[in-house]
Amino acid sequence: MLPRIRNIGRDTLRQWSFPAFIPGSHQSAIQTVRPRHQSTTATTPPKTIFSGIQPTGVPHLGNYLGALRQWVTLQSEAAKDTTLVYSLVDLHAITVQQDPKQLQQWKKESLAMLLAIGLDPNKSTIFHQSDVPAHAELMWILSCQASTGYLGRMTQWKDKTANEKDGSKKLKLGLLSYPVLQAADVLVHRATHVPVGHDQAQHLEFAREVANGFNHAFGRDLLIPPETLISPARRVMSLTDPMAKMSKSHPNPKSRILLTDSEETVRGKIKAAVTDSIDGITYEPELRPGVSNLVDILYHSDAHPAYPSQDELAKDLAGLSMRALKDRVAETVETTIKDIRASYAHFLHDNDHLDRVAAQGAENAAKSAAITMKAVKSAVGLV
């Protein structure tokens, strides 16, 4: 059996980094957190970086600034021997029952968007999780070793259990066991690094414990405990409720800016954004959350900010009226997403290209996973 695993805190089902991860704009700010007992003097092997995001349709601005843009940065700045693996984790998406036709459309939209933001299938492996059965196969093998006690202490499961009037009767096994699938997603591709934000740094602890426990149980290093890549958090808040994160699940569509929103729509949403009646522009997230959110958006929209901090940017904006600030934010957001919007429209209507990208990505991912599965299945006696 695997060693007892401590509760690692709140988990999300949305993205593996699961997306905020490597949300910072400067590579130099990224910090690597190594698994315990890992030597820093040994020869460094080539990196394999894995991340995934659920196919829930068109991402919003927060998804892009907080996560997706960094995928492209990694692609352009990674060493030549670094392998980049990006997955649309559709098996995670069905933890909550989905309308089949809607999910199929979301998968198409999500793949088109990954290409639109700049991911290149010739440089990165891009695939639908369900197209590579090894993810689910390794999950089952790891599930036979994992502790239900740990999984039952997961905050996500405990919160759902507490909120159900009939206890856990209506809760599904997938919600309890999804962390095992998350671990399998990473381990099956021998990922050496997984990018996450500070608030999600502990999410990889389970994958590391699973890898170490499995290796210990079978007496050899079959699975690679992944390292955590961390950079400063970059959060974009709701335009209508600036104390909450921007989210596609919010009932008010004006709360978020989608990467496909027209210029007119962007300006309308920014114009209607909740602020306050205090004169001047300052960066005070607790006192002035709405204004501070607009400053955040302005600051983070620049891939290489000209100011050292949001405070410094706010000082330069201090004399602006609220209308002028919103006009500037709207202009900046439009500049950020206009090329993505155009590219997305192109890719979305090229079904043949999307099919080729998905097929090639699945083939490459399957070859990667097969190496791990051959060793794992041999170790447990399946082959």
Protein backbone atom coordinates (compact mmCIF):
# COMPACT_ATOMS: atom_id res chain seq x y z
CA MET A 1 0.00 0.00 0.00
CA LEU A 2 1.08 3.57 -0.54
CA PRO A 3 2.20 5.58 2.47
CA ARG A 4 -0.40 7.56 4.35
CA ILE A 5 -0.90 10.91 2.67
CA ARG A 6 -1.77 14.06 4.52
CA ASN A 7 -4.57 16.38 3.53
CA ILE A 8 -3.17 18.86 1.04
CA GLY A 9 -5.97 21.40 1.08
CA ARG A 10 -8.51 22.71 -1.40
CA ASP A 11 -8.37 21.25 -4.86
CA THR A 12 -9.95 22.44 -8.06
CA LEU A 13 -11.40 20.44 -10.91
CA ARG A 14 -10.80 23.12 -13.49
CA GLN A 15 -7.18 22.70 -14.37
CA TRP A 16 -4.00 20.85 -13.66
CA SER A 17 -1.99 23.70 -12.59
CA PHE A 18 -5.62 22.62 -13.07
CA PRO A 19 -5.82 26.87 -15.27
CA ALA A 20 -3.46 29.29 -12.50
CA PHE A 21 -0.01 28.24 -13.15
CA ILE A 22 3.15 29.92 -14.11
CA PRO A 23 1.00 33.01 -14.19
CA GLY A 24 3.88 35.43 -13.87
CA SER A 25 5.23 37.34 -16.81
CA HIS A 26 8.94 36.85 -16.22
CA GLN A 27 10.69 33.52 -16.47
CA SER A 28 13.23 34.69 -13.92
CA ALA A 29 10.46 34.85 -11.33
CA ILE A 30 9.67 31.16 -11.67
CA GLN A 31 10.72 29.06 -8.72
CA THR A 32 11.29 25.34 -8.86
CA VAL A 33 10.19 23.31 -5.84
CA ARG A 34 11.91 19.92 -5.83
CA PRO A 35 10.46 16.79 -4.28
CA ARG A 36 11.91 15.96 -0.88
CA HIS A 37 15.26 14.16 -0.89
CA GLN A 38 15.91 14.98 -4.55
CA SER A 39 19.53 15.79 -5.25
CA THR A 40 20.42 19.09 -6.92
CA THR A 41 23.89 17.95 -7.94
CA ALA A 42 22.99 15.04 -10.22
CA THR A 43 23.02 15.47 -13.98
CA THR A 44 19.83 17.24 -14.98
CA PRO A 45 17.79 15.18 -17.46
CA PRO A 46 15.70 16.82 -20.19
CA LYS A 47 12.51 18.39 -18.87
CA THR A 48 8.99 17.25 -19.62
CA ILE A 49 6.40 19.86 -18.70
CA PHE A 50 2.76 18.82 -18.42
CA SER A 51 -0.35 20.87 -17.88
CA GLY A 52 -4.01 20.51 -18.70
CA ILE A 53 -7.23 22.43 -18.77
CA GLN A 54 -10.83 21.30 -18.91
CA PRO A 55 -12.60 21.84 -22.23
CA THR A 56 -15.31 24.18 -21.06
CA GLY A 57 -15.50 26.32 -24.17
CA VAL A 58 -14.02 29.75 -24.79
CA PRO A 59 -11.66 30.89 -21.99
CA HIS A 60 -12.03 34.26 -20.33
CA LEU A 61 -9.39 36.94 -19.86
CA GLY A 62 -8.45 35.60 -16.42
CA ASN A 63 -7.73 32.14 -17.87
CA TYR A 64 -5.49 33.69 -20.49
CA LEU A 65 -3.54 36.12 -18.32
CA GLY A 66 -3.33 33.69 -15.42
CA ALA A 67 -2.33 30.58 -17.32
CA LEU A 68 -2.70 30.13 -21.05
CA ARG A 69 -0.34 32.88 -22.15
CA GLN A 70 2.40 31.24 -20.14
CA TRP A 71 1.96 28.01 -22.10
CA VAL A 72 3.03 29.95 -25.19
CA THR A 73 5.91 31.54 -23.28
CA LEU A 74 7.13 28.12 -22.23
CA GLN A 75 6.89 26.92 -25.81
CA SER A 76 8.98 29.82 -27.12
CA GLU A 77 11.57 29.88 -24.33
CA ALA A 78 11.99 26.20 -23.42
CA ALA A 79 15.25 24.43 -24.19
CA LYS A 80 15.31 22.37 -27.37
CA ASP A 81 15.33 19.09 -25.43
CA THR A 82 12.30 20.09 -23.31
CA THR A 83 9.07 18.21 -24.05
CA LEU A 84 5.82 20.17 -23.68
CA VAL A 85 2.59 18.22 -23.16
CA TYR A 86 -0.74 20.06 -23.00
CA SER A 87 -3.98 18.17 -22.53
CA LEU A 88 -7.65 19.05 -22.80
CA VAL A 89 -8.75 16.95 -19.84
CA ASP A 90 -12.22 15.92 -20.93
CA LEU A 91 -12.35 12.95 -18.53
CA HIS A 92 -12.13 15.44 -15.67
CA ALA A 93 -14.93 17.47 -17.26
CA ILE A 94 -17.44 14.63 -16.86
CA THR A 95 -16.98 14.55 -13.09
CA VAL A 96 -20.07 16.74 -13.40
CA GLN A 97 -22.65 15.40 -15.85
CA GLN A 98 -22.40 17.22 -19.16
CA ASP A 99 -24.69 17.53 -22.14
CA PRO A 100 -22.93 15.31 -24.73
CA LYS A 101 -23.38 17.69 -27.66
CA GLN A 102 -22.29 20.65 -25.57
CA LEU A 103 -19.16 18.83 -24.42
CA GLN A 104 -18.28 17.91 -28.00
CA GLN A 105 -18.63 21.55 -29.01
CA TRP A 106 -16.56 22.71 -26.05
CA LYS A 107 -13.79 20.28 -26.98
CA LYS A 108 -13.70 21.72 -30.48
CA GLU A 109 -13.73 25.31 -29.21
CA SER A 110 -11.03 24.63 -26.63
CA LEU A 111 -8.69 23.04 -29.18
CA ALA A 112 -9.25 25.92 -31.61
CA MET A 113 -8.45 28.37 -28.81
CA LEU A 114 -5.19 26.66 -27.88
CA LEU A 115 -4.07 27.06 -31.47
CA ALA A 116 -5.36 30.65 -31.57
CA ILE A 117 -3.29 31.75 -28.59
CA GLY A 118 -0.16 30.49 -30.31
CA LEU A 119 0.45 26.87 -29.35
CA ASP A 120 2.19 25.05 -32.19
CA PRO A 121 1.45 21.30 -32.59
CA ASN A 122 4.92 20.95 -34.12
CA LYS A 123 6.48 22.16 -30.88
CA SER A 124 4.00 20.98 -28.24
CA THR A 125 1.94 17.83 -27.87
CA ILE A 126 -1.71 18.94 -27.77
CA PHE A 127 -4.37 16.28 -27.27
CA HIS A 128 -7.72 15.30 -25.80
CA GLN A 129 -7.19 13.25 -22.64
CA SER A 130 -9.83 10.66 -23.56
CA ASP A 131 -8.01 9.90 -26.83
CA VAL A 132 -5.18 8.33 -24.80
CA PRO A 133 -6.58 5.38 -22.78
CA ALA A 134 -3.34 5.07 -20.82
CA HIS A 135 -4.44 7.96 -18.58
CA ALA A 136 -7.45 6.00 -17.31
CA GLU A 137 -5.51 2.73 -17.26
CA LEU A 138 -2.76 4.12 -15.05
CA MET A 139 -5.40 5.75 -12.86
CA TRP A 140 -6.91 2.32 -12.15
CA ILE A 141 -3.54 0.78 -11.33
CA LEU A 142 -2.73 3.66 -8.98
CA SER A 143 -6.22 3.50 -7.48
CA CYS A 144 -5.53 -0.06 -6.41
CA GLN A 145 -2.67 1.29 -4.31
CA ALA A 146 -4.11 4.63 -3.15
CA SER A 147 -5.67 5.29 0.25
CA THR A 148 -9.39 6.02 0.41
CA GLY A 149 -8.74 7.61 3.79
CA TYR A 150 -6.72 10.38 2.19
CA LEU A 151 -9.17 10.89 -0.65
CA GLY A 152 -12.03 11.14 1.84
CA ARG A 153 -10.19 13.93 3.66
CA MET A 154 -9.82 16.03 0.52
CA THR A 155 -11.40 19.44 1.07
CA GLN A 156 -13.29 19.24 -2.23
CA TRP A 157 -14.94 15.99 -1.15
CA LYS A 158 -15.57 17.17 2.41
CA ASP A 159 -17.18 20.40 1.19
CA LYS A 160 -19.44 18.54 -1.22
CA THR A 161 -20.40 16.04 1.45
CA ALA A 162 -21.22 18.81 3.91
CA ASN A 163 -23.37 20.62 1.35
CA GLU A 164 -25.42 17.59 0.37
CA LYS A 165 -28.67 17.38 2.34
CA ASP A 166 -28.66 13.60 2.05
CA GLY A 167 -25.00 13.26 2.97
CA SER A 168 -22.89 11.52 0.34
CA LYS A 169 -25.75 9.57 -1.28
CA LYS A 170 -25.85 11.81 -4.34
CA LEU A 171 -22.10 12.24 -4.67
CA LYS A 172 -20.31 10.28 -7.35
CA LEU A 173 -17.17 8.17 -7.14
CA GLY A 174 -15.47 10.37 -9.76
CA LEU A 175 -15.45 13.33 -7.40
CA LEU A 176 -13.74 11.24 -4.74
CA SER A 177 -11.16 9.65 -7.02
CA TYR A 178 -10.34 12.42 -9.48
CA PRO A 179 -7.04 13.28 -7.71
CA VAL A 180 -5.80 9.83 -8.74
CA LEU A 181 -6.57 10.66 -12.37
CA GLN A 182 -4.77 13.97 -11.95
CA ALA A 183 -1.73 12.08 -10.69
CA ALA A 184 -1.96 9.64 -13.60
CA ASP A 185 -2.15 12.53 -16.08
CA VAL A 186 1.24 13.76 -14.91
CA LEU A 187 2.97 10.47 -14.15
CA VAL A 188 2.04 8.65 -17.36
CA HIS A 189 4.09 11.14 -19.39
CA ARG A 190 6.99 11.12 -16.92
CA ALA A 191 6.52 14.85 -16.37
CA THR A 192 9.44 16.36 -14.52
CA HIS A 193 7.73 19.72 -13.98
CA VAL A 194 4.15 20.92 -13.58
CA PRO A 195 3.47 24.66 -13.40
CA VAL A 196 1.14 25.89 -10.66
CA GLY A 197 0.32 29.07 -8.79
CA HIS A 198 1.19 29.56 -5.13
CA ASP A 199 -2.35 28.69 -4.04
CA GLN A 200 -2.10 25.35 -5.81
CA ALA A 201 1.46 24.40 -4.90
CA GLN A 202 0.30 21.55 -2.69
CA HIS A 203 -1.83 19.96 -5.41
CA LEU A 204 1.17 18.07 -6.76
CA GLU A 205 2.00 16.61 -3.37
CA PHE A 206 -0.42 13.75 -3.95
CA ALA A 207 1.17 12.91 -7.32
CA ARG A 208 4.61 12.90 -5.72
CA GLU A 209 3.46 10.71 -2.86
CA VAL A 210 1.80 8.32 -5.31
CA ALA A 211 4.97 8.09 -7.39
CA ASN A 212 7.23 7.58 -4.39
CA GLY A 213 4.85 5.05 -2.83
CA PHE A 214 4.54 3.07 -6.04
CA ASN A 215 8.31 3.05 -6.54
CA HIS A 216 8.83 1.91 -2.96
CA ALA A 217 6.22 -0.84 -3.27
CA PHE A 218 7.83 -2.33 -6.36
CA GLY A 219 11.44 -1.66 -5.46
CA ARG A 220 12.48 0.48 -8.39
CA ASP A 221 12.08 3.96 -9.83
CA LEU A 222 9.23 3.43 -12.26
CA LEU A 223 7.42 6.76 -11.84
CA ILE A 224 8.99 10.22 -11.73
CA PRO A 225 7.95 12.47 -8.80
CA PRO A 226 7.30 15.80 -10.56
CA GLU A 227 8.73 19.12 -9.49
CA THR A 228 6.53 22.16 -9.01
CA LEU A 229 7.09 25.31 -11.03
CA ILE A 230 5.83 28.34 -9.14
CA SER A 231 5.63 31.99 -10.05
CA PRO A 232 3.79 35.00 -8.58
CA ALA A 233 0.02 34.71 -8.70
CA ARG A 234 -1.90 36.68 -11.32
CA ARG A 235 -5.61 36.87 -10.56
CA VAL A 236 -8.29 38.66 -12.51
CA MET A 237 -11.48 39.34 -10.61
CA SER A 238 -15.10 39.56 -11.70
CA LEU A 239 -16.09 42.86 -13.28
CA THR A 240 -19.44 42.83 -11.46
CA ASP A 241 -18.26 41.32 -8.17
CA PRO A 242 -14.58 42.25 -7.75
CA MET A 243 -14.24 40.27 -4.53
CA ALA A 244 -14.68 37.04 -6.53
CA LYS A 245 -12.48 35.61 -9.27
CA MET A 246 -13.55 36.00 -12.88
CA SER A 247 -15.44 32.85 -13.79
CA LYS A 248 -17.49 31.39 -16.63
CA SER A 249 -19.90 29.92 -14.09
CA HIS A 250 -21.04 33.35 -12.86
CA PRO A 251 -24.66 33.93 -13.91
CA ASN A 252 -23.94 37.46 -15.16
CA PRO A 253 -22.11 37.41 -18.54
CA LYS A 254 -20.95 40.98 -17.89
CA SER A 255 -18.78 39.66 -15.07
CA ARG A 256 -16.19 38.27 -17.50
CA ILE A 257 -14.44 39.10 -20.75
CA LEU A 258 -14.23 36.18 -23.15
CA LEU A 259 -11.32 35.96 -25.55
CA THR A 260 -13.85 36.04 -28.39
CA ASP A 261 -15.69 39.17 -27.25
CA SER A 262 -15.94 41.91 -29.88
CA GLU A 263 -14.37 45.30 -29.30
CA GLU A 264 -17.82 46.76 -28.69
CA THR A 265 -18.61 44.06 -26.14
CA VAL A 266 -15.29 44.56 -24.36
CA ARG A 267 -15.85 48.29 -24.08
CA GLY A 268 -19.38 47.77 -22.83
CA LYS A 269 -18.33 45.32 -20.12
CA ILE A 270 -15.43 47.49 -18.93
CA LYS A 271 -17.67 50.58 -18.93
CA ALA A 272 -20.17 48.75 -16.70
CA ALA A 273 -17.49 47.35 -14.36
CA VAL A 274 -18.13 47.96 -10.66
CA THR A 275 -15.81 50.60 -9.18
CA ASP A 276 -16.49 53.26 -6.50
CA SER A 277 -17.13 56.98 -6.05
CA ILE A 278 -13.73 57.86 -4.54
CA ASP A 279 -11.77 60.44 -6.52
CA GLY A 280 -8.54 59.43 -8.21
CA ILE A 281 -6.96 56.08 -8.99
CA THR A 282 -5.18 54.04 -6.32
CA TYR A 283 -4.26 50.39 -5.96
CA GLU A 284 -5.90 49.18 -2.76
CA PRO A 285 -7.46 45.72 -3.36
CA GLU A 286 -9.21 45.55 0.01
CA LEU A 287 -10.50 49.12 0.12
CA ARG A 288 -11.10 49.60 -3.63
CA PRO A 289 -11.45 46.11 -5.16
CA GLY A 290 -13.15 47.25 -8.37
CA VAL A 291 -10.61 49.94 -9.24
CA SER A 292 -7.74 47.71 -8.21
CA ASN A 293 -9.05 44.96 -10.48
CA LEU A 294 -8.95 47.34 -13.44
CA VAL A 295 -5.39 48.27 -12.53
CA ASP A 296 -4.53 44.57 -12.33
CA ILE A 297 -5.99 43.95 -15.78
CA LEU A 298 -4.06 46.88 -17.21
CA TYR A 299 -0.85 45.74 -15.54
CA HIS A 300 -1.07 42.05 -16.42
CA SER A 301 -2.22 42.60 -20.00
CA ASP A 302 1.32 43.75 -20.74
CA ALA A 303 3.44 40.60 -21.11
CA HIS A 304 6.44 42.65 -19.95
CA PRO A 305 5.08 45.35 -17.62
CA ALA A 306 6.78 48.72 -17.78
CA TYR A 307 6.13 49.24 -14.07
CA PRO A 308 7.65 47.22 -11.22
CA SER A 309 4.27 46.82 -9.52
CA GLN A 310 0.59 47.69 -9.70
CA ASP A 311 1.18 50.35 -7.05
CA GLU A 312 3.61 52.16 -9.31
CA LEU A 313 1.23 51.92 -12.25
CA ALA A 314 -1.61 53.30 -10.12
CA LYS A 315 0.52 56.28 -9.11
CA ASP A 316 0.99 57.10 -12.78
CA LEU A 317 -2.78 56.82 -13.28
CA ALA A 318 -3.68 58.78 -10.15
CA GLY A 319 -5.01 61.84 -11.96
CA LEU A 320 -7.31 59.98 -14.34
CA SER A 321 -11.06 60.00 -14.05
CA MET A 322 -12.84 56.67 -13.70
CA ARG A 323 -14.10 57.01 -17.26
CA ALA A 324 -10.60 57.62 -18.58
CA LEU A 325 -9.27 54.60 -16.67
CA LYS A 326 -11.98 52.36 -18.11
CA ASP A 327 -11.30 53.65 -21.63
CA ARG A 328 -7.62 52.83 -21.23
CA VAL A 329 -8.32 49.36 -19.83
CA ALA A 330 -10.77 48.60 -22.64
CA GLU A 331 -8.25 49.69 -25.26
CA THR A 332 -5.53 47.56 -23.67
CA VAL A 333 -7.76 44.48 -23.43
CA GLU A 334 -8.83 44.86 -27.06
CA THR A 335 -5.19 45.03 -28.11
CA THR A 336 -4.51 41.89 -26.08
CA ILE A 337 -7.27 39.73 -27.53
CA LYS A 338 -7.98 41.01 -31.05
CA ASP A 339 -5.45 38.75 -32.81
CA ILE A 340 -6.55 35.76 -30.71
CA ARG A 341 -10.17 36.45 -31.62
CA ALA A 342 -9.36 36.52 -35.34
CA SER A 343 -7.21 33.37 -35.20
CA TYR A 344 -9.86 31.53 -33.22
CA ALA A 345 -12.53 32.28 -35.84
CA HIS A 346 -10.19 30.88 -38.50
CA PHE A 347 -9.34 27.65 -36.67
CA LEU A 348 -12.87 27.00 -35.44
CA HIS A 349 -14.13 26.66 -39.01
CA ASP A 350 -11.27 24.46 -40.19
CA ASN A 351 -12.53 21.09 -38.99
CA ASP A 352 -10.01 19.12 -41.03
CA HIS A 353 -7.11 20.95 -39.42
CA LEU A 354 -8.53 20.50 -35.92
CA ASP A 355 -8.99 16.78 -36.58
CA ARG A 356 -5.40 16.45 -37.81
CA VAL A 357 -4.01 18.30 -34.79
CA ALA A 358 -6.05 16.17 -32.37
CA ALA A 359 -5.05 12.93 -34.10
CA GLN A 360 -1.36 13.81 -34.23
CA GLY A 361 -1.40 14.95 -30.61
CA ALA A 362 -3.11 11.76 -29.49
CA GLU A 363 -0.59 9.65 -31.41
CA ASN A 364 2.37 11.46 -29.84
CA ALA A 365 0.83 11.33 -26.37
CA ALA A 366 0.05 7.62 -26.73
CA LYS A 367 3.67 6.89 -27.67
CA SER A 368 4.85 8.84 -24.62
CA ALA A 369 2.41 7.06 -22.30
CA ALA A 370 3.21 3.60 -23.70
CA ILE A 371 6.75 3.78 -22.34
CA THR A 372 5.47 4.30 -18.80
CA MET A 373 2.66 1.76 -19.10
CA LYS A 374 4.99 -0.98 -20.32
CA ALA A 375 7.17 -0.58 -17.23
CA VAL A 376 4.24 -0.22 -14.82
CA LYS A 377 2.28 -3.21 -16.18
CA SER A 378 5.40 -5.35 -16.07
CA ALA A 379 6.05 -4.33 -12.45
CA VAL A 380 2.54 -5.26 -11.27
CA GLY A 381 2.47 -8.49 -13.28
CA LEU A 382 0.00 -7.59 -16.02
CA VAL A 383 2.52 -8.40 -18.76
